[in-house]
Amino acid sequence: MTRTAWFEEVQKNISDLIKRSPAADVERNVKAVLGTAFTKLDLVTREEFDIQAELLARSRARLEVLEDQLKALEQKVNGLSTPVASSGTATPSAPLPPSLG
C-alpha cells in the first residue's frame, strides 16, 4: 500500500467514524430543531434573501430606465404643445403691445 493510499484510507475511516458517532446524531438533531424554529419565525435562507436582493436591484434599474423614458416623453410633449416660430424661438402666448407689433 502506498503512502498516499494509506492516508486516504485513514481519512476515509476517520470520516466514517465521525459520521457514525453520537456527535453527528446530536448535530443533525440540533440542525433539525433550529430549522423548525427558524421556519416558525418565518425567516428566509441566505439564498432566498440574495435572490430577492437581486430581483430588487434589477427592478430599481428598470425603474430608473422607465423614469428617464418618461422624462424624455414629457419634454417631447411639452415641446410640442408650445408653438414654435420659423426662427426657432417660441411664439409668445400674449399679443404684442402696439409699440412692438
C-alpha atoms as a PDB file:
ATOM      1  CA  MET A   1       0.000   0.000   0.000  1.00  0.00           C
ATOM      2  CA  THR A   2       1.440   3.354  -0.999  1.00  0.00           C
ATOM      3  CA  ARG A   3       1.753   6.195   1.435  1.00  0.00           C
ATOM      4  CA  THR A   4      -0.944   8.257  -0.368  1.00  0.00           C
ATOM      5  CA  ALA A   5      -3.374   5.348  -0.416  1.00  0.00           C
ATOM      6  CA  TRP A   6      -2.738   4.746   3.285  1.00  0.00           C
ATOM      7  CA  PHE A   7      -3.503   8.421   4.110  1.00  0.00           C
ATOM      8  CA  GLU A   8      -6.676   8.295   2.024  1.00  0.00           C
ATOM      9  CA  GLU A   9      -7.771   5.108   3.806  1.00  0.00           C
ATOM     10  CA  VAL A  10      -7.143   6.677   7.230  1.00  0.00           C
ATOM     11  CA  GLN A  11      -9.016   9.816   6.211  1.00  0.00           C
ATOM     12  CA  LYS A  12     -11.970   7.740   4.967  1.00  0.00           C
ATOM     13  CA  ASN A  13     -12.047   5.720   8.192  1.00  0.00           C
ATOM     14  CA  ILE A  14     -11.998   8.868  10.326  1.00  0.00           C
ATOM     15  CA  SER A  15     -14.798  10.405   8.253  1.00  0.00           C
ATOM     16  CA  ASP A  16     -16.877   7.246   8.600  1.00  0.00           C
ATOM     17  CA  LEU A  17     -16.247   7.164  12.337  1.00  0.00           C
ATOM     18  CA  ILE A  18     -17.342  10.778  12.759  1.00  0.00           C
ATOM     19  CA  LYS A  19     -20.484  10.182  10.695  1.00  0.00           C
ATOM     20  CA  ARG A  20     -21.478   7.270  12.959  1.00  0.00           C
ATOM     21  CA  SER A  21     -20.594   8.946  16.252  1.00  0.00           C
ATOM     22  CA  PRO A  22     -23.166  10.313  18.702  1.00  0.00           C
ATOM     23  CA  ALA A  23     -21.836  13.810  17.975  1.00  0.00           C
ATOM     24  CA  ALA A  24     -23.089  13.523  14.401  1.00  0.00           C
ATOM     25  CA  ASP A  25     -26.538  12.492  15.669  1.00  0.00           C
ATOM     26  CA  VAL A  26     -26.592  15.433  18.062  1.00  0.00           C
ATOM     27  CA  GLU A  27     -25.562  17.787  15.265  1.00  0.00           C
ATOM     28  CA  ARG A  28     -28.329  16.503  12.979  1.00  0.00           C
ATOM     29  CA  ASN A  29     -30.899  16.830  15.778  1.00  0.00           C
ATOM     30  CA  VAL A  30     -29.804  20.371  16.626  1.00  0.00           C
ATOM     31  CA  LYS A  31     -29.973  21.360  12.966  1.00  0.00           C
ATOM     32  CA  ALA A  32     -33.469  19.894  12.692  1.00  0.00           C
ATOM     33  CA  VAL A  33     -34.674  21.711  15.819  1.00  0.00           C
ATOM     34  CA  LEU A  34     -33.157  25.006  14.680  1.00  0.00           C
ATOM     35  CA  GLY A  35     -34.591  24.550  11.205  1.00  0.00           C
ATOM     36  CA  THR A  36     -38.060  24.050  12.666  1.00  0.00           C
ATOM     37  CA  ALA A  37     -37.656  27.073  14.942  1.00  0.00           C
ATOM     38  CA  PHE A  38     -36.492  29.253  12.063  1.00  0.00           C
ATOM     39  CA  THR A  39     -39.430  28.103   9.954  1.00  0.00           C
ATOM     40  CA  LYS A  40     -41.837  29.105  12.709  1.00  0.00           C
ATOM     41  CA  LEU A  41     -40.125  32.507  12.928  1.00  0.00           C
ATOM     42  CA  ASP A  42     -40.791  32.956   9.198  1.00  0.00           C
ATOM     43  CA  LEU A  43     -37.115  33.576   8.433  1.00  0.00           C
ATOM     44  CA  VAL A  44     -35.619  33.147   4.987  1.00  0.00           C
ATOM     45  CA  THR A  45     -32.439  31.444   3.948  1.00  0.00           C
ATOM     46  CA  ARG A  46     -29.449  33.425   2.735  1.00  0.00           C
ATOM     47  CA  GLU A  47     -30.038  32.082  -0.763  1.00  0.00           C
ATOM     48  CA  GLU A  48     -33.648  33.311  -0.777  1.00  0.00           C
ATOM     49  CA  PHE A  49     -32.515  36.685   0.561  1.00  0.00           C
ATOM     50  CA  ASP A  50     -29.840  37.016  -2.125  1.00  0.00           C
ATOM     51  CA  ILE A  51     -32.355  36.133  -4.845  1.00  0.00           C
ATOM     52  CA  GLN A  52     -34.786  38.779  -3.613  1.00  0.00           C
ATOM     53  CA  ALA A  53     -31.990  41.361  -3.328  1.00  0.00           C
ATOM     54  CA  GLU A  54     -31.004  40.666  -6.949  1.00  0.00           C
ATOM     55  CA  LEU A  55     -34.621  40.995  -8.101  1.00  0.00           C
ATOM     56  CA  LEU A  56     -34.906  44.291  -6.246  1.00  0.00           C
ATOM     57  CA  ALA A  57     -31.711  45.609  -7.836  1.00  0.00           C
ATOM     58  CA  ARG A  58     -32.992  44.686 -11.302  1.00  0.00           C
ATOM     59  CA  SER A  59     -36.358  46.307 -10.562  1.00  0.00           C
ATOM     60  CA  ARG A  60     -34.664  49.509  -9.414  1.00  0.00           C
ATOM     61  CA  ALA A  61     -32.526  49.612 -12.550  1.00  0.00           C
ATOM     62  CA  ARG A  62     -35.597  49.076 -14.740  1.00  0.00           C
ATOM     63  CA  LEU A  63     -37.468  51.791 -12.826  1.00  0.00           C
ATOM     64  CA  GLU A  64     -34.635  54.257 -13.472  1.00  0.00           C
ATOM     65  CA  VAL A  65     -34.758  53.478 -17.196  1.00  0.00           C
ATOM     66  CA  LEU A  66     -38.531  53.937 -17.268  1.00  0.00           C
ATOM     67  CA  GLU A  67     -38.284  57.216 -15.326  1.00  0.00           C
ATOM     68  CA  ASP A  68     -35.740  58.520 -17.858  1.00  0.00           C
ATOM     69  CA  GLN A  69     -38.018  57.495 -20.728  1.00  0.00           C
ATOM     70  CA  LEU A  70     -40.960  59.223 -19.043  1.00  0.00           C
ATOM     71  CA  LYS A  71     -38.976  62.444 -18.592  1.00  0.00           C
ATOM     72  CA  ALA A  72     -37.960  62.376 -22.249  1.00  0.00           C
ATOM     73  CA  LEU A  73     -41.563  61.851 -23.349  1.00  0.00           C
ATOM     74  CA  GLU A  74     -42.795  64.640 -21.051  1.00  0.00           C
ATOM     75  CA  GLN A  75     -40.210  67.007 -22.520  1.00  0.00           C
ATOM     76  CA  LYS A  76     -41.240  65.982 -26.012  1.00  0.00           C
ATOM     77  CA  VAL A  77     -44.931  66.569 -25.249  1.00  0.00           C
ATOM     78  CA  ASN A  78     -44.183  69.911 -23.611  1.00  0.00           C
ATOM     79  CA  GLY A  79     -42.112  70.889 -26.641  1.00  0.00           C
ATOM     80  CA  LEU A  80     -44.962  70.010 -29.000  1.00  0.00           C
ATOM     81  CA  SER A  81     -47.547  71.950 -27.007  1.00  0.00           C
ATOM     82  CA  THR A  82     -45.535  75.207 -27.300  1.00  0.00           C
ATOM     83  CA  PRO A  83     -45.891  76.676 -30.813  1.00  0.00           C
ATOM     84  CA  VAL A  84     -42.538  77.419 -32.438  1.00  0.00           C
ATOM     85  CA  ALA A  85     -41.954  80.265 -34.923  1.00  0.00           C
ATOM     86  CA  SER A  86     -39.959  79.690 -38.085  1.00  0.00           C
ATOM     87  CA  SER A  87     -36.892  81.314 -36.476  1.00  0.00           C
ATOM     88  CA  GLY A  88     -36.822  78.546 -33.894  1.00  0.00           C
ATOM     89  CA  THR A  89     -37.998  80.682 -30.974  1.00  0.00           C
ATOM     90  CA  ALA A  90     -41.206  80.175 -29.094  1.00  0.00           C
ATOM     91  CA  THR A  91     -44.218  82.230 -30.132  1.00  0.00           C
ATOM     92  CA  PRO A  92     -45.417  84.445 -27.265  1.00  0.00           C
ATOM     93  CA  SER A  93     -48.753  83.444 -25.840  1.00  0.00           C
ATOM     94  CA  ALA A  94     -49.904  87.057 -25.236  1.00  0.00           C
ATOM     95  CA  PRO A  95     -50.316  89.579 -28.052  1.00  0.00           C
ATOM     96  CA  LEU A  96     -47.502  92.093 -28.527  1.00  0.00           C
ATOM     97  CA  PRO A  97     -48.034  95.666 -27.379  1.00  0.00           C
ATOM     98  CA  PRO A  98     -48.870  98.080 -30.244  1.00  0.00           C
ATOM     99  CA  SER A  99     -45.462  99.752 -29.978  1.00  0.00           C
ATOM    100  CA  LEU A 100     -43.695  96.442 -30.722  1.00  0.00           C
ATOM    101  CA  GLY A 101     -46.159  94.988 -33.158  1.00  0.00           C
END
